[in-house]
């Protein structure tokens, strides 16, 4: 989708700080990191949100998880811990209508978040 920010990043039309790339996924650093490590893992295929995921997206979701695990290991978070977050809709402050997973870590976190 030419008007989707993340589709344009995946296509290389907009710059990003690439962390990992696979056949179905692309991971890049968030431009406004909430924690020392804040990476977005997105599918290369445009999927609006977790609310629109369907059974045919199973392989994409599995690859998103695998990419997140790979990034966590590369960033030194596997032993310390990290959080994976999928936001859906305005109340969750989801600002880009393209499925994306936030991988955050690098310091201890509280729950519920402040």
C-alpha atoms as a PDB file:
ATOM      1  CA  UNK A   1       0.000   0.000   0.000  1.00  0.00           C
ATOM      2  CA  UNK A   2       1.625   3.197  -1.180  1.00  0.00           C
ATOM      3  CA  UNK A   3       0.134   5.335   1.607  1.00  0.00           C
ATOM      4  CA  UNK A   4       1.205   3.007   4.461  1.00  0.00           C
ATOM      5  CA  UNK A   5       4.273   4.226   6.360  1.00  0.00           C
ATOM      6  CA  UNK A   6       5.541   0.726   7.169  1.00  0.00           C
ATOM      7  CA  UNK A   7       4.924  -0.554   3.630  1.00  0.00           C
ATOM      8  CA  UNK A   8       7.058   2.331   2.371  1.00  0.00           C
ATOM      9  CA  UNK A   9       9.807   1.464   4.885  1.00  0.00           C
ATOM     10  CA  UNK A  10       9.730  -2.224   3.894  1.00  0.00           C
ATOM     11  CA  UNK A  11       9.899  -1.231   0.203  1.00  0.00           C
ATOM     12  CA  UNK A  12      12.965   0.928   0.892  1.00  0.00           C
ATOM     13  CA  UNK A  13      11.176   4.142  -0.086  1.00  0.00           C
ATOM     14  CA  UNK A  14      11.762   5.590   3.398  1.00  0.00           C
ATOM     15  CA  UNK A  15      14.934   5.188   5.468  1.00  0.00           C
ATOM     16  CA  UNK A  16      15.090   2.931   8.513  1.00  0.00           C
ATOM     17  CA  UNK A  17      17.716   1.474  10.819  1.00  0.00           C
ATOM     18  CA  UNK A  18      17.448  -2.191   9.811  1.00  0.00           C
ATOM     19  CA  UNK A  19      18.038  -4.782  12.529  1.00  0.00           C
ATOM     20  CA  UNK A  20      16.887  -7.977  10.780  1.00  0.00           C
ATOM     21  CA  UNK A  21      15.244  -9.040   7.562  1.00  0.00           C
ATOM     22  CA  UNK A  22      13.636 -12.299   6.444  1.00  0.00           C
ATOM     23  CA  UNK A  23      11.484 -13.425   3.557  1.00  0.00           C
ATOM     24  CA  UNK A  24       8.275 -12.380   5.347  1.00  0.00           C
ATOM     25  CA  UNK A  25       9.447  -9.872   7.980  1.00  0.00           C
ATOM     26  CA  UNK A  26      11.470  -6.725   8.470  1.00  0.00           C
ATOM     27  CA  UNK A  27      12.764  -5.397  11.806  1.00  0.00           C
ATOM     28  CA  UNK A  28      13.983  -1.854  12.410  1.00  0.00           C
ATOM     29  CA  UNK A  29      14.675   0.495  15.308  1.00  0.00           C
ATOM     30  CA  UNK A  30      11.826   2.707  16.505  1.00  0.00           C
ATOM     31  CA  UNK A  31      12.549   6.397  15.859  1.00  0.00           C
ATOM     32  CA  UNK A  32      11.186   7.307  19.318  1.00  0.00           C
ATOM     33  CA  UNK A  33      12.433   4.456  21.525  1.00  0.00           C
ATOM     34  CA  UNK A  34      10.571   3.872  24.783  1.00  0.00           C
ATOM     35  CA  UNK A  35      13.429   1.757  26.199  1.00  0.00           C
ATOM     36  CA  UNK A  36      17.129   1.292  25.405  1.00  0.00           C
ATOM     37  CA  UNK A  37      16.165  -1.427  22.907  1.00  0.00           C
ATOM     38  CA  UNK A  38      13.011  -0.707  20.912  1.00  0.00           C
ATOM     39  CA  UNK A  39      12.673  -2.576  17.637  1.00  0.00           C
ATOM     40  CA  UNK A  40       9.593  -2.911  15.439  1.00  0.00           C
ATOM     41  CA  UNK A  41       9.007  -6.240  13.709  1.00  0.00           C
ATOM     42  CA  UNK A  42       6.610  -5.930  10.773  1.00  0.00           C
ATOM     43  CA  UNK A  43       5.335  -8.326   8.140  1.00  0.00           C
ATOM     44  CA  UNK A  44       6.333  -7.473   4.589  1.00  0.00           C
ATOM     45  CA  UNK A  45       2.707  -8.132   3.607  1.00  0.00           C
ATOM     46  CA  UNK A  46       0.288  -5.392   4.584  1.00  0.00           C
ATOM     47  CA  UNK A  47      -1.940  -6.616   7.416  1.00  0.00           C
ATOM     48  CA  UNK A  48      -3.913  -3.846   9.126  1.00  0.00           C
ATOM     49  CA  UNK A  49      -3.596  -5.032  12.743  1.00  0.00           C
ATOM     50  CA  UNK A  50      -3.698  -8.005  15.092  1.00  0.00           C
ATOM     51  CA  UNK A  51      -7.486  -7.614  14.956  1.00  0.00           C
ATOM     52  CA  UNK A  52      -7.494  -8.501  11.242  1.00  0.00           C
ATOM     53  CA  UNK A  53      -5.098 -11.462  11.440  1.00  0.00           C
ATOM     54  CA  UNK A  54      -6.632 -14.604   9.931  1.00  0.00           C
ATOM     55  CA  UNK A  55      -5.622 -18.283   9.822  1.00  0.00           C
ATOM     56  CA  UNK A  56      -3.863 -17.744   6.495  1.00  0.00           C
ATOM     57  CA  UNK A  57      -1.408 -15.423   8.275  1.00  0.00           C
ATOM     58  CA  UNK A  58      -0.075 -18.203  10.534  1.00  0.00           C
ATOM     59  CA  UNK A  59       3.288 -18.514   8.781  1.00  0.00           C
ATOM     60  CA  UNK A  60       3.800 -14.747   8.843  1.00  0.00           C
ATOM     61  CA  UNK A  61       3.056 -14.597  12.578  1.00  0.00           C
ATOM     62  CA  UNK A  62       5.427 -17.484  13.256  1.00  0.00           C
ATOM     63  CA  UNK A  63       8.155 -15.711  11.299  1.00  0.00           C
ATOM     64  CA  UNK A  64       7.494 -12.470  13.202  1.00  0.00           C
ATOM     65  CA  UNK A  65       8.060 -14.376  16.463  1.00  0.00           C
ATOM     66  CA  UNK A  66      11.209 -16.004  15.095  1.00  0.00           C
ATOM     67  CA  UNK A  67      12.535 -12.628  13.936  1.00  0.00           C
ATOM     68  CA  UNK A  68      11.806 -11.122  17.366  1.00  0.00           C
ATOM     69  CA  UNK A  69      13.692 -13.973  19.053  1.00  0.00           C
ATOM     70  CA  UNK A  70      16.635 -13.488  16.694  1.00  0.00           C
ATOM     71  CA  UNK A  71      16.719  -9.747  17.439  1.00  0.00           C
ATOM     72  CA  UNK A  72      16.433 -10.333  21.201  1.00  0.00           C
ATOM     73  CA  UNK A  73      19.442 -12.671  21.077  1.00  0.00           C
ATOM     74  CA  UNK A  74      21.453 -10.241  18.933  1.00  0.00           C
ATOM     75  CA  UNK A  75      20.644  -7.362  21.301  1.00  0.00           C
ATOM     76  CA  UNK A  76      21.645  -9.378  24.382  1.00  0.00           C
ATOM     77  CA  UNK A  77      18.127  -9.528  25.807  1.00  0.00           C
ATOM     78  CA  UNK A  78      17.449 -13.276  25.805  1.00  0.00           C
ATOM     79  CA  UNK A  79      18.853 -13.900  29.280  1.00  0.00           C
ATOM     80  CA  UNK A  80      17.707 -10.615  30.856  1.00  0.00           C
ATOM     81  CA  UNK A  81      14.216 -10.567  29.398  1.00  0.00           C
ATOM     82  CA  UNK A  82      12.217  -8.459  27.001  1.00  0.00           C
ATOM     83  CA  UNK A  83       8.643  -7.579  26.164  1.00  0.00           C
ATOM     84  CA  UNK A  84       6.712  -8.130  22.925  1.00  0.00           C
ATOM     85  CA  UNK A  85       3.728  -5.828  22.408  1.00  0.00           C
ATOM     86  CA  UNK A  86       1.001  -5.685  19.751  1.00  0.00           C
ATOM     87  CA  UNK A  87      -1.186  -2.575  19.942  1.00  0.00           C
ATOM     88  CA  UNK A  88      -4.628  -2.438  18.328  1.00  0.00           C
ATOM     89  CA  UNK A  89      -6.637   0.748  17.814  1.00  0.00           C
ATOM     90  CA  UNK A  90      -6.598   4.303  19.044  1.00  0.00           C
ATOM     91  CA  UNK A  91      -6.997   3.541  22.763  1.00  0.00           C
ATOM     92  CA  UNK A  92      -3.810   1.476  22.578  1.00  0.00           C
ATOM     93  CA  UNK A  93      -2.057   4.383  20.818  1.00  0.00           C
ATOM     94  CA  UNK A  94      -1.577   2.418  17.621  1.00  0.00           C
ATOM     95  CA  UNK A  95      -0.603   5.139  15.150  1.00  0.00           C
ATOM     96  CA  UNK A  96       0.267   3.042  12.058  1.00  0.00           C
ATOM     97  CA  UNK A  97      -2.362   0.762  10.517  1.00  0.00           C
ATOM     98  CA  UNK A  98       0.092  -2.013   9.654  1.00  0.00           C
ATOM     99  CA  UNK A  99       0.581  -4.987  11.959  1.00  0.00           C
ATOM    100  CA  UNK A 100       3.724  -4.478  14.003  1.00  0.00           C
ATOM    101  CA  UNK A 101       5.272  -5.960  17.094  1.00  0.00           C
ATOM    102  CA  UNK A 102       7.282  -3.832  19.509  1.00  0.00           C
ATOM    103  CA  UNK A 103      10.279  -5.644  20.985  1.00  0.00           C
ATOM    104  CA  UNK A 104      11.429  -3.623  23.991  1.00  0.00           C
ATOM    105  CA  UNK A 105      13.998  -4.190  26.700  1.00  0.00           C
ATOM    106  CA  UNK A 106      17.370  -3.180  28.009  1.00  0.00           C
ATOM    107  CA  UNK A 107      16.293  -2.280  31.543  1.00  0.00           C
ATOM    108  CA  UNK A 108      13.907  -3.644  34.171  1.00  0.00           C
ATOM    109  CA  UNK A 109      10.246  -2.877  33.461  1.00  0.00           C
ATOM    110  CA  UNK A 110       7.262  -2.488  35.726  1.00  0.00           C
ATOM    111  CA  UNK A 111       3.792  -3.940  35.322  1.00  0.00           C
ATOM    112  CA  UNK A 112       1.376  -2.444  34.818  1.00  0.00           C
ATOM    113  CA  UNK A 113       3.294   0.101  32.741  1.00  0.00           C
ATOM    114  CA  UNK A 114       3.307   3.608  34.164  1.00  0.00           C
END
